Amino acid sequence: MRGARRYWWAIVTVVVVALLAPGTARAAGSAVSPYGGLSSSQRASLLAIARDTWKFYGADVDQATSLPMDNITFAGGSATPTAFGRYTSAANIGVYLWAVVAARDLGLVSEPQARARIQATLTEVSHLKRDNGFLYQWYDTSVRVTAPRPRQPSTTASSSRTWTTAGTPRD
């Protein structure tokens, strides 16, 4: 609690700036117009992009481990994958989980399908080897072990922990 009191000025500053932003924009001559939403053609275009994007994420999972793969190759104009990057990272896993949630929200997969995908992936993640609780940078998706690259903790996971614990009291 002491740490939170130390940063009250930052919270007040953010709130004041947020409250003053529309007035500042008007004073600068920028009109602040209310958002009118997407037109039906814009909505259709974005949904088509979302469907195409989900086709990638739907196929980008190692069937044996439910871990997303780093890449898929479609060589020579092939409509089906010709090669798979059978390795993954903490970032790949996080983006895949976001994609599943977005696909569910857009009706591209059902709630039970999304739950099954997320549960399968998180179950696999719970079995992955770690360094002091942090995921390693790369894993081989076919055998759930760290990939033959430098075995170092993920900088994505490490920096996230640094940001979330900055300014918190230490024991």
N, C-alpha and C. Protein backbone atom coordinates (compact mmCIF):
# COMPACT_ATOMS: atom_id res chain seq x y z
N MET A 1 0.83 -1.19 0.00
CA MET A 1 0.00 0.00 0.00
C MET A 1 0.87 1.25 0.00
N ARG A 2 2.01 1.21 0.73
CA ARG A 2 2.91 2.36 0.78
C ARG A 2 3.38 2.74 -0.63
N GLY A 3 3.68 1.71 -1.44
CA GLY A 3 4.14 1.96 -2.81
C GLY A 3 3.09 2.65 -3.65
N ALA A 4 1.83 2.29 -3.45
CA ALA A 4 0.75 2.91 -4.20
C ALA A 4 0.62 4.38 -3.83
N ARG A 5 0.79 4.72 -2.57
CA ARG A 5 0.70 6.11 -2.12
C ARG A 5 1.82 6.96 -2.72
N ARG A 6 2.96 6.33 -2.94
CA ARG A 6 4.09 7.06 -3.52
C ARG A 6 3.79 7.56 -4.93
N TYR A 7 2.93 6.87 -5.65
CA TYR A 7 2.67 7.19 -7.05
C TYR A 7 1.31 7.82 -7.28
N TRP A 8 0.70 8.39 -6.25
CA TRP A 8 -0.61 9.01 -6.40
C TRP A 8 -0.58 10.13 -7.42
N TRP A 9 0.53 10.86 -7.49
CA TRP A 9 0.64 11.98 -8.43
C TRP A 9 0.56 11.51 -9.87
N ALA A 10 1.10 10.33 -10.15
CA ALA A 10 1.04 9.79 -11.51
C ALA A 10 -0.40 9.45 -11.89
N ILE A 11 -1.13 8.89 -10.94
CA ILE A 11 -2.53 8.53 -11.19
C ILE A 11 -3.34 9.80 -11.42
N VAL A 12 -3.13 10.81 -10.59
CA VAL A 12 -3.85 12.08 -10.73
C VAL A 12 -3.53 12.71 -12.09
N THR A 13 -2.27 12.68 -12.50
CA THR A 13 -1.86 13.25 -13.78
C THR A 13 -2.57 12.56 -14.95
N VAL A 14 -2.61 11.25 -14.93
CA VAL A 14 -3.27 10.50 -16.00
C VAL A 14 -4.76 10.85 -16.05
N VAL A 15 -5.41 10.91 -14.91
CA VAL A 15 -6.84 11.23 -14.87
C VAL A 15 -7.08 12.65 -15.39
N VAL A 16 -6.28 13.61 -14.97
CA VAL A 16 -6.45 15.00 -15.42
C VAL A 16 -6.24 15.11 -16.93
N VAL A 17 -5.20 14.47 -17.45
CA VAL A 17 -4.94 14.51 -18.89
C VAL A 17 -6.10 13.88 -19.66
N ALA A 18 -6.61 12.76 -19.17
CA ALA A 18 -7.74 12.11 -19.83
C ALA A 18 -8.98 13.00 -19.85
N LEU A 19 -9.21 13.70 -18.76
CA LEU A 19 -10.37 14.59 -18.69
C LEU A 19 -10.22 15.83 -19.56
N LEU A 20 -9.00 16.31 -19.71
CA LEU A 20 -8.76 17.53 -20.48
C LEU A 20 -8.57 17.28 -21.98
N ALA A 21 -8.34 16.06 -22.39
CA ALA A 21 -8.01 15.76 -23.79
C ALA A 21 -9.06 16.27 -24.78
N PRO A 22 -10.36 16.03 -24.60
CA PRO A 22 -11.32 16.54 -25.58
C PRO A 22 -11.31 18.07 -25.68
N GLY A 23 -11.24 18.76 -24.55
CA GLY A 23 -11.19 20.23 -24.57
C GLY A 23 -9.93 20.74 -25.23
N THR A 24 -8.81 20.08 -24.99
CA THR A 24 -7.54 20.47 -25.61
C THR A 24 -7.61 20.29 -27.12
N ALA A 25 -8.21 19.21 -27.57
CA ALA A 25 -8.35 18.97 -29.01
C ALA A 25 -9.21 20.05 -29.65
N ARG A 26 -10.31 20.43 -29.00
CA ARG A 26 -11.18 21.48 -29.53
C ARG A 26 -10.43 22.81 -29.60
N ALA A 27 -9.70 23.13 -28.53
CA ALA A 27 -8.95 24.39 -28.49
C ALA A 27 -7.88 24.44 -29.56
N ALA A 28 -7.31 23.29 -29.91
CA ALA A 28 -6.28 23.24 -30.94
C ALA A 28 -6.87 23.27 -32.34
N GLY A 29 -8.19 23.28 -32.44
CA GLY A 29 -8.84 23.33 -33.74
C GLY A 29 -9.20 21.98 -34.31
N SER A 30 -8.94 20.92 -33.58
CA SER A 30 -9.30 19.59 -34.05
C SER A 30 -10.71 19.28 -33.57
N ALA A 31 -11.55 18.95 -34.51
CA ALA A 31 -12.92 18.60 -34.14
C ALA A 31 -12.94 17.21 -33.53
N VAL A 32 -13.64 17.07 -32.45
CA VAL A 32 -13.81 15.77 -31.83
C VAL A 32 -15.21 15.31 -32.19
N SER A 33 -15.27 14.40 -33.13
CA SER A 33 -16.58 13.94 -33.56
C SER A 33 -16.89 12.59 -32.94
N PRO A 34 -18.14 12.36 -32.65
CA PRO A 34 -18.51 11.06 -32.09
C PRO A 34 -18.30 9.96 -33.12
N TYR A 35 -17.92 8.79 -32.63
CA TYR A 35 -17.70 7.65 -33.52
C TYR A 35 -19.04 7.12 -33.97
N GLY A 36 -19.21 6.97 -35.26
CA GLY A 36 -20.49 6.52 -35.81
C GLY A 36 -20.55 5.03 -36.10
N GLY A 37 -19.49 4.30 -35.83
CA GLY A 37 -19.49 2.87 -36.08
C GLY A 37 -19.04 2.53 -37.49
N LEU A 38 -18.99 1.26 -37.77
CA LEU A 38 -18.56 0.78 -39.09
C LEU A 38 -19.75 0.66 -40.03
N SER A 39 -19.49 0.92 -41.30
CA SER A 39 -20.53 0.68 -42.29
C SER A 39 -20.62 -0.83 -42.51
N SER A 40 -21.67 -1.27 -43.16
CA SER A 40 -21.82 -2.72 -43.38
C SER A 40 -20.71 -3.25 -44.28
N SER A 41 -20.25 -2.47 -45.26
CA SER A 41 -19.16 -2.95 -46.12
C SER A 41 -17.83 -2.99 -45.35
N GLN A 42 -17.59 -2.03 -44.46
CA GLN A 42 -16.38 -2.06 -43.63
C GLN A 42 -16.41 -3.28 -42.71
N ARG A 43 -17.57 -3.53 -42.12
CA ARG A 43 -17.71 -4.68 -41.23
C ARG A 43 -17.46 -5.99 -41.99
N ALA A 44 -18.02 -6.09 -43.20
CA ALA A 44 -17.84 -7.29 -44.02
C ALA A 44 -16.37 -7.49 -44.40
N SER A 45 -15.69 -6.39 -44.75
CA SER A 45 -14.26 -6.49 -45.11
C SER A 45 -13.42 -6.94 -43.92
N LEU A 46 -13.68 -6.36 -42.77
CA LEU A 46 -12.92 -6.74 -41.58
C LEU A 46 -13.20 -8.18 -41.17
N LEU A 47 -14.44 -8.62 -41.30
CA LEU A 47 -14.77 -10.01 -40.96
C LEU A 47 -14.09 -10.98 -41.93
N ALA A 48 -13.99 -10.60 -43.21
CA ALA A 48 -13.29 -11.44 -44.19
C ALA A 48 -11.81 -11.55 -43.83
N ILE A 49 -11.20 -10.44 -43.40
CA ILE A 49 -9.80 -10.47 -42.97
C ILE A 49 -9.66 -11.35 -41.73
N ALA A 50 -10.60 -11.23 -40.80
CA ALA A 50 -10.56 -12.05 -39.58
C ALA A 50 -10.68 -13.54 -39.93
N ARG A 51 -11.56 -13.88 -40.87
CA ARG A 51 -11.70 -15.29 -41.28
C ARG A 51 -10.40 -15.82 -41.87
N ASP A 52 -9.80 -15.02 -42.77
CA ASP A 52 -8.53 -15.45 -43.37
C ASP A 52 -7.43 -15.59 -42.31
N THR A 53 -7.40 -14.66 -41.37
CA THR A 53 -6.41 -14.72 -40.30
C THR A 53 -6.63 -15.96 -39.45
N TRP A 54 -7.89 -16.27 -39.13
CA TRP A 54 -8.18 -17.45 -38.32
C TRP A 54 -7.80 -18.74 -39.05
N LYS A 55 -7.90 -18.76 -40.38
CA LYS A 55 -7.48 -19.95 -41.13
C LYS A 55 -6.02 -20.26 -40.83
N PHE A 56 -5.21 -19.21 -40.74
CA PHE A 56 -3.80 -19.42 -40.41
C PHE A 56 -3.67 -19.96 -38.99
N TYR A 57 -4.27 -19.27 -38.01
CA TYR A 57 -4.11 -19.68 -36.62
C TYR A 57 -4.75 -21.04 -36.35
N GLY A 58 -5.82 -21.35 -37.06
CA GLY A 58 -6.45 -22.66 -36.90
C GLY A 58 -5.55 -23.79 -37.36
N ALA A 59 -4.74 -23.50 -38.40
CA ALA A 59 -3.84 -24.53 -38.95
C ALA A 59 -2.46 -24.50 -38.29
N ASP A 60 -2.15 -23.45 -37.58
CA ASP A 60 -0.80 -23.22 -37.05
C ASP A 60 -0.56 -23.89 -35.69
N VAL A 61 -1.18 -25.02 -35.46
CA VAL A 61 -1.05 -25.70 -34.17
C VAL A 61 -0.52 -27.11 -34.39
N ASP A 62 0.48 -27.47 -33.62
CA ASP A 62 0.98 -28.84 -33.68
C ASP A 62 -0.11 -29.75 -33.13
N GLN A 63 -0.60 -30.65 -33.94
CA GLN A 63 -1.73 -31.50 -33.55
C GLN A 63 -1.42 -32.40 -32.35
N ALA A 64 -0.16 -32.77 -32.18
CA ALA A 64 0.21 -33.66 -31.08
C ALA A 64 0.29 -32.94 -29.73
N THR A 65 0.68 -31.64 -29.75
CA THR A 65 0.91 -30.95 -28.49
C THR A 65 -0.02 -29.75 -28.25
N SER A 66 -0.76 -29.33 -29.26
CA SER A 66 -1.64 -28.15 -29.17
C SER A 66 -0.87 -26.84 -28.97
N LEU A 67 0.42 -26.84 -29.26
CA LEU A 67 1.21 -25.62 -29.18
C LEU A 67 1.26 -24.97 -30.56
N PRO A 68 1.13 -23.64 -30.63
CA PRO A 68 1.22 -22.97 -31.93
C PRO A 68 2.64 -23.04 -32.46
N MET A 69 2.76 -23.18 -33.77
CA MET A 69 4.08 -23.23 -34.40
C MET A 69 4.49 -21.83 -34.82
N ASP A 70 5.77 -21.61 -34.92
CA ASP A 70 6.28 -20.28 -35.24
C ASP A 70 5.89 -19.84 -36.65
N ASN A 71 5.86 -20.77 -37.60
CA ASN A 71 5.51 -20.39 -38.97
C ASN A 71 5.04 -21.58 -39.77
N ILE A 72 4.36 -21.28 -40.85
CA ILE A 72 3.92 -22.27 -41.84
C ILE A 72 4.34 -21.73 -43.19
N THR A 73 4.86 -22.60 -44.06
CA THR A 73 5.28 -22.19 -45.39
C THR A 73 4.28 -22.69 -46.42
N PHE A 74 3.90 -21.82 -47.33
CA PHE A 74 3.04 -22.16 -48.46
C PHE A 74 3.88 -21.91 -49.71
N ALA A 75 4.74 -22.86 -50.07
CA ALA A 75 5.67 -22.67 -51.19
C ALA A 75 4.99 -22.89 -52.53
N GLY A 76 5.47 -22.17 -53.52
CA GLY A 76 5.01 -22.36 -54.89
C GLY A 76 3.53 -22.09 -55.09
N GLY A 77 2.94 -21.23 -54.29
CA GLY A 77 1.53 -20.90 -54.46
C GLY A 77 0.59 -21.98 -53.97
N SER A 78 1.10 -22.92 -53.19
CA SER A 78 0.28 -24.01 -52.67
C SER A 78 -0.82 -23.47 -51.75
N ALA A 79 -2.00 -24.07 -51.83
CA ALA A 79 -3.11 -23.70 -50.95
C ALA A 79 -3.02 -24.42 -49.61
N THR A 80 -2.19 -25.44 -49.55
CA THR A 80 -1.99 -26.16 -48.30
C THR A 80 -0.54 -26.00 -47.85
N PRO A 81 -0.28 -26.07 -46.57
CA PRO A 81 1.10 -25.87 -46.08
C PRO A 81 2.06 -26.89 -46.68
N THR A 82 3.25 -26.40 -47.04
CA THR A 82 4.29 -27.29 -47.57
C THR A 82 5.38 -27.56 -46.54
N ALA A 83 5.46 -26.72 -45.50
CA ALA A 83 6.45 -26.93 -44.44
C ALA A 83 5.94 -26.23 -43.17
N PHE A 84 6.41 -26.73 -42.04
CA PHE A 84 6.02 -26.18 -40.75
C PHE A 84 7.25 -25.83 -39.94
N GLY A 85 7.23 -24.69 -39.25
CA GLY A 85 8.29 -24.33 -38.31
C GLY A 85 7.92 -24.95 -36.98
N ARG A 86 8.40 -26.12 -36.69
CA ARG A 86 7.98 -26.86 -35.51
C ARG A 86 8.70 -26.39 -34.23
N TYR A 87 8.59 -25.10 -33.98
CA TYR A 87 9.08 -24.54 -32.74
C TYR A 87 8.14 -23.40 -32.37
N THR A 88 8.15 -23.02 -31.11
CA THR A 88 7.26 -21.97 -30.64
C THR A 88 7.96 -21.15 -29.57
N SER A 89 7.33 -20.06 -29.17
CA SER A 89 7.86 -19.19 -28.13
C SER A 89 6.71 -18.73 -27.24
N ALA A 90 7.05 -18.10 -26.13
CA ALA A 90 6.03 -17.55 -25.24
C ALA A 90 5.17 -16.54 -25.99
N ALA A 91 5.79 -15.75 -26.85
CA ALA A 91 5.04 -14.75 -27.63
C ALA A 91 4.08 -15.44 -28.60
N ASN A 92 4.53 -16.49 -29.28
CA ASN A 92 3.65 -17.23 -30.19
C ASN A 92 2.44 -17.79 -29.44
N ILE A 93 2.69 -18.33 -28.27
CA ILE A 93 1.61 -18.92 -27.47
C ILE A 93 0.61 -17.84 -27.07
N GLY A 94 1.10 -16.70 -26.60
CA GLY A 94 0.21 -15.61 -26.21
C GLY A 94 -0.63 -15.10 -27.36
N VAL A 95 -0.01 -14.89 -28.52
CA VAL A 95 -0.76 -14.40 -29.69
C VAL A 95 -1.79 -15.43 -30.12
N TYR A 96 -1.43 -16.70 -30.09
CA TYR A 96 -2.40 -17.74 -30.45
C TYR A 96 -3.61 -17.71 -29.51
N LEU A 97 -3.37 -17.57 -28.21
CA LEU A 97 -4.49 -17.53 -27.26
C LEU A 97 -5.38 -16.32 -27.52
N TRP A 98 -4.78 -15.16 -27.85
CA TRP A 98 -5.58 -13.99 -28.22
C TRP A 98 -6.41 -14.29 -29.46
N ALA A 99 -5.80 -14.97 -30.44
CA ALA A 99 -6.51 -15.28 -31.69
C ALA A 99 -7.71 -16.19 -31.42
N VAL A 100 -7.56 -17.14 -30.52
CA VAL A 100 -8.69 -18.03 -30.19
C VAL A 100 -9.83 -17.23 -29.57
N VAL A 101 -9.50 -16.34 -28.64
CA VAL A 101 -10.54 -15.51 -28.00
C VAL A 101 -11.22 -14.63 -29.04
N ALA A 102 -10.44 -14.01 -29.92
CA ALA A 102 -11.02 -13.16 -30.96
C ALA A 102 -11.91 -13.97 -31.90
N ALA A 103 -11.46 -15.17 -32.27
CA ALA A 103 -12.27 -16.02 -33.17
C ALA A 103 -13.59 -16.39 -32.50
N ARG A 104 -13.54 -16.66 -31.21
CA ARG A 104 -14.77 -16.95 -30.48
C ARG A 104 -15.68 -15.73 -30.45
N ASP A 105 -15.12 -14.56 -30.15
CA ASP A 105 -15.91 -13.33 -30.10
C ASP A 105 -16.55 -13.00 -31.44
N LEU A 106 -15.88 -13.35 -32.54
CA LEU A 106 -16.40 -13.05 -33.88
C LEU A 106 -17.27 -14.17 -34.44
N GLY A 107 -17.45 -15.23 -33.66
CA GLY A 107 -18.30 -16.34 -34.11
C GLY A 107 -17.62 -17.26 -35.11
N LEU A 108 -16.29 -17.21 -35.20
CA LEU A 108 -15.57 -18.08 -36.13
C LEU A 108 -15.36 -19.47 -35.54
N VAL A 109 -15.38 -19.57 -34.22
CA VAL A 109 -15.38 -20.86 -33.53
C VAL A 109 -16.41 -20.76 -32.40
N SER A 110 -16.91 -21.89 -32.01
CA SER A 110 -17.91 -21.91 -30.94
C SER A 110 -17.23 -21.77 -29.57
N GLU A 111 -18.03 -21.48 -28.57
CA GLU A 111 -17.50 -21.37 -27.20
C GLU A 111 -16.83 -22.69 -26.77
N PRO A 112 -17.48 -23.87 -26.99
CA PRO A 112 -16.81 -25.13 -26.60
C PRO A 112 -15.51 -25.38 -27.38
N GLN A 113 -15.47 -25.01 -28.66
CA GLN A 113 -14.24 -25.19 -29.44
C GLN A 113 -13.13 -24.30 -28.89
N ALA A 114 -13.46 -23.06 -28.59
CA ALA A 114 -12.46 -22.13 -28.05
C ALA A 114 -11.94 -22.63 -26.70
N ARG A 115 -12.86 -23.05 -25.84
CA ARG A 115 -12.46 -23.56 -24.53
C ARG A 115 -11.54 -24.77 -24.66
N ALA A 116 -11.87 -25.67 -25.57
CA ALA A 116 -11.05 -26.87 -25.77
C ALA A 116 -9.66 -26.51 -26.26
N ARG A 117 -9.57 -25.57 -27.20
CA ARG A 117 -8.27 -25.15 -27.73
C ARG A 117 -7.43 -24.50 -26.63
N ILE A 118 -8.04 -23.58 -25.90
CA ILE A 118 -7.30 -22.87 -24.84
C ILE A 118 -6.86 -23.84 -23.76
N GLN A 119 -7.77 -24.72 -23.35
CA GLN A 119 -7.42 -25.68 -22.30
C GLN A 119 -6.29 -26.60 -22.75
N ALA A 120 -6.35 -27.08 -23.98
CA ALA A 120 -5.30 -27.97 -24.49
C ALA A 120 -3.95 -27.26 -24.53
N THR A 121 -3.94 -26.02 -24.99
CA THR A 121 -2.68 -25.28 -25.07
C THR A 121 -2.13 -24.98 -23.68
N LEU A 122 -2.99 -24.52 -22.77
CA LEU A 122 -2.52 -24.20 -21.43
C LEU A 122 -2.06 -25.45 -20.67
N THR A 123 -2.69 -26.59 -20.95
CA THR A 123 -2.24 -27.84 -20.33
C THR A 123 -0.82 -28.16 -20.80
N GLU A 124 -0.57 -27.99 -22.10
CA GLU A 124 0.78 -28.24 -22.62
C GLU A 124 1.78 -27.25 -22.03
N VAL A 125 1.38 -25.98 -21.94
CA VAL A 125 2.27 -24.96 -21.38
C VAL A 125 2.64 -25.31 -19.94
N SER A 126 1.70 -25.88 -19.20
CA SER A 126 1.99 -26.23 -17.80
C SER A 126 3.06 -27.31 -17.69
N HIS A 127 3.30 -28.06 -18.76
CA HIS A 127 4.31 -29.13 -18.75
C HIS A 127 5.66 -28.66 -19.29
N LEU A 128 5.73 -27.45 -19.85
CA LEU A 128 6.98 -26.99 -20.44
C LEU A 128 8.02 -26.67 -19.37
N LYS A 129 9.26 -27.02 -19.67
CA LYS A 129 10.38 -26.75 -18.77
C LYS A 129 10.56 -25.24 -18.67
N ARG A 130 10.92 -24.78 -17.47
CA ARG A 130 11.08 -23.34 -17.21
C ARG A 130 12.40 -23.06 -16.50
N ASP A 131 12.74 -21.80 -16.49
CA ASP A 131 13.92 -21.33 -15.75
C ASP A 131 13.42 -20.37 -14.68
N ASN A 132 13.42 -20.82 -13.41
CA ASN A 132 12.93 -20.01 -12.30
C ASN A 132 11.51 -19.50 -12.57
N GLY A 133 10.68 -20.34 -13.15
CA GLY A 133 9.29 -19.98 -13.41
C GLY A 133 9.05 -19.35 -14.76
N PHE A 134 10.09 -18.91 -15.44
CA PHE A 134 9.93 -18.26 -16.75
C PHE A 134 10.03 -19.29 -17.86
N LEU A 135 9.18 -19.12 -18.88
CA LEU A 135 9.29 -19.96 -20.06
C LEU A 135 10.60 -19.65 -20.76
N TYR A 136 11.17 -20.67 -21.43
CA TYR A 136 12.34 -20.43 -22.25
C TYR A 136 11.91 -19.72 -23.53
N GLN A 137 12.88 -19.20 -24.26
CA GLN A 137 12.58 -18.45 -25.48
C GLN A 137 11.97 -19.35 -26.55
N TRP A 138 12.50 -20.55 -26.76
CA TRP A 138 12.04 -21.43 -27.83
C TRP A 138 11.80 -22.84 -27.34
N TYR A 139 10.77 -23.47 -27.89
CA TYR A 139 10.46 -24.87 -27.61
C TYR A 139 10.21 -25.60 -28.91
N ASP A 140 10.61 -26.86 -28.96
CA ASP A 140 10.27 -27.73 -30.07
C ASP A 140 8.83 -28.18 -29.83
N THR A 141 7.91 -27.88 -30.73
CA THR A 141 6.50 -28.20 -30.50
C THR A 141 6.20 -29.69 -30.58
N SER A 142 7.04 -30.43 -31.27
CA SER A 142 6.72 -31.85 -31.45
C SER A 142 7.07 -32.70 -30.24
N VAL A 143 7.99 -32.22 -29.38
CA VAL A 143 8.40 -33.05 -28.24
C VAL A 143 8.39 -32.30 -26.90
N ARG A 144 7.90 -31.08 -26.88
CA ARG A 144 7.76 -30.28 -25.64
C ARG A 144 9.07 -30.05 -24.90
N VAL A 145 10.15 -29.88 -25.61
CA VAL A 145 11.41 -29.58 -24.94
C VAL A 145 11.94 -28.27 -25.51
N THR A 146 12.90 -27.68 -24.80
CA THR A 146 13.48 -26.45 -25.32
C THR A 146 14.15 -26.76 -26.65
N ALA A 147 13.96 -25.89 -27.61
CA ALA A 147 14.51 -26.09 -28.95
C ALA A 147 16.03 -25.90 -28.91
N PRO A 148 16.74 -26.48 -29.87
CA PRO A 148 18.20 -26.39 -29.88
C PRO A 148 18.67 -25.00 -30.32
N ARG A 149 18.32 -24.01 -29.55
CA ARG A 149 18.76 -22.63 -29.73
C ARG A 149 19.31 -22.22 -28.38
N PRO A 150 19.82 -21.04 -28.24
CA PRO A 150 20.28 -20.66 -26.89
C PRO A 150 19.16 -20.84 -25.87
N ARG A 151 19.44 -21.57 -24.83
CA ARG A 151 18.43 -21.84 -23.81
C ARG A 151 18.42 -20.69 -22.81
N GLN A 152 17.63 -19.71 -23.12
CA GLN A 152 17.52 -18.56 -22.23
C GLN A 152 16.05 -18.28 -21.96
N PRO A 153 15.75 -17.72 -20.80
CA PRO A 153 14.35 -17.39 -20.53
C PRO A 153 13.84 -16.38 -21.55
N SER A 154 12.57 -16.42 -21.82
CA SER A 154 11.96 -15.50 -22.77
C SER A 154 12.09 -14.07 -22.28
N THR A 155 12.59 -13.19 -23.13
CA THR A 155 12.69 -11.78 -22.76
C THR A 155 11.31 -11.16 -22.70
N THR A 156 10.36 -11.69 -23.45
CA THR A 156 8.99 -11.20 -23.39
C THR A 156 8.42 -11.44 -22.00
N ALA A 157 8.56 -12.66 -21.50
CA ALA A 157 8.04 -12.99 -20.18
C ALA A 157 8.80 -12.23 -19.10
N SER A 158 10.11 -12.12 -19.24
CA SER A 158 10.91 -11.42 -18.23
C SER A 158 10.56 -9.95 -18.17
N SER A 159 10.40 -9.30 -19.33
CA SER A 159 10.09 -7.87 -19.30
C SER A 159 8.67 -7.64 -18.78
N SER A 160 7.75 -8.55 -19.08
CA SER A 160 6.39 -8.41 -18.55
C SER A 160 6.42 -8.48 -17.03
N ARG A 161 7.22 -9.39 -16.48
CA ARG A 161 7.30 -9.51 -15.03
C ARG A 161 7.92 -8.25 -14.44
N THR A 162 8.91 -7.70 -15.11
CA THR A 162 9.55 -6.48 -14.61
C THR A 162 8.55 -5.35 -14.55
N TRP A 163 7.75 -5.18 -15.60
CA TRP A 163 6.77 -4.10 -15.62
C TRP A 163 5.68 -4.31 -14.58
N THR A 164 5.25 -5.54 -14.38
CA THR A 164 4.15 -5.77 -13.45
C THR A 164 4.60 -5.70 -12.00
N THR A 165 5.90 -5.83 -11.75
CA THR A 165 6.36 -5.77 -10.36
C THR A 165 7.07 -4.47 -10.05
N ALA A 166 7.25 -3.60 -11.04
CA ALA A 166 7.94 -2.33 -10.79
C ALA A 166 7.16 -1.51 -9.79
N GLY A 167 7.86 -0.99 -8.82
CA GLY A 167 7.22 -0.12 -7.83
C GLY A 167 6.48 -0.84 -6.72
N THR A 168 6.50 -2.17 -6.73
CA THR A 168 5.81 -2.88 -5.67
C THR A 168 6.77 -3.09 -4.50
N PRO A 169 6.25 -3.08 -3.29
CA PRO A 169 7.13 -3.26 -2.13
C PRO A 169 7.80 -4.63 -2.16
N ARG A 170 9.04 -4.68 -1.79
CA ARG A 170 9.80 -5.94 -1.73
C ARG A 170 9.81 -6.45 -0.30
N ASP A 171 9.80 -7.76 -0.14
CA ASP A 171 9.88 -8.35 1.22
C ASP A 171 11.30 -8.33 1.72
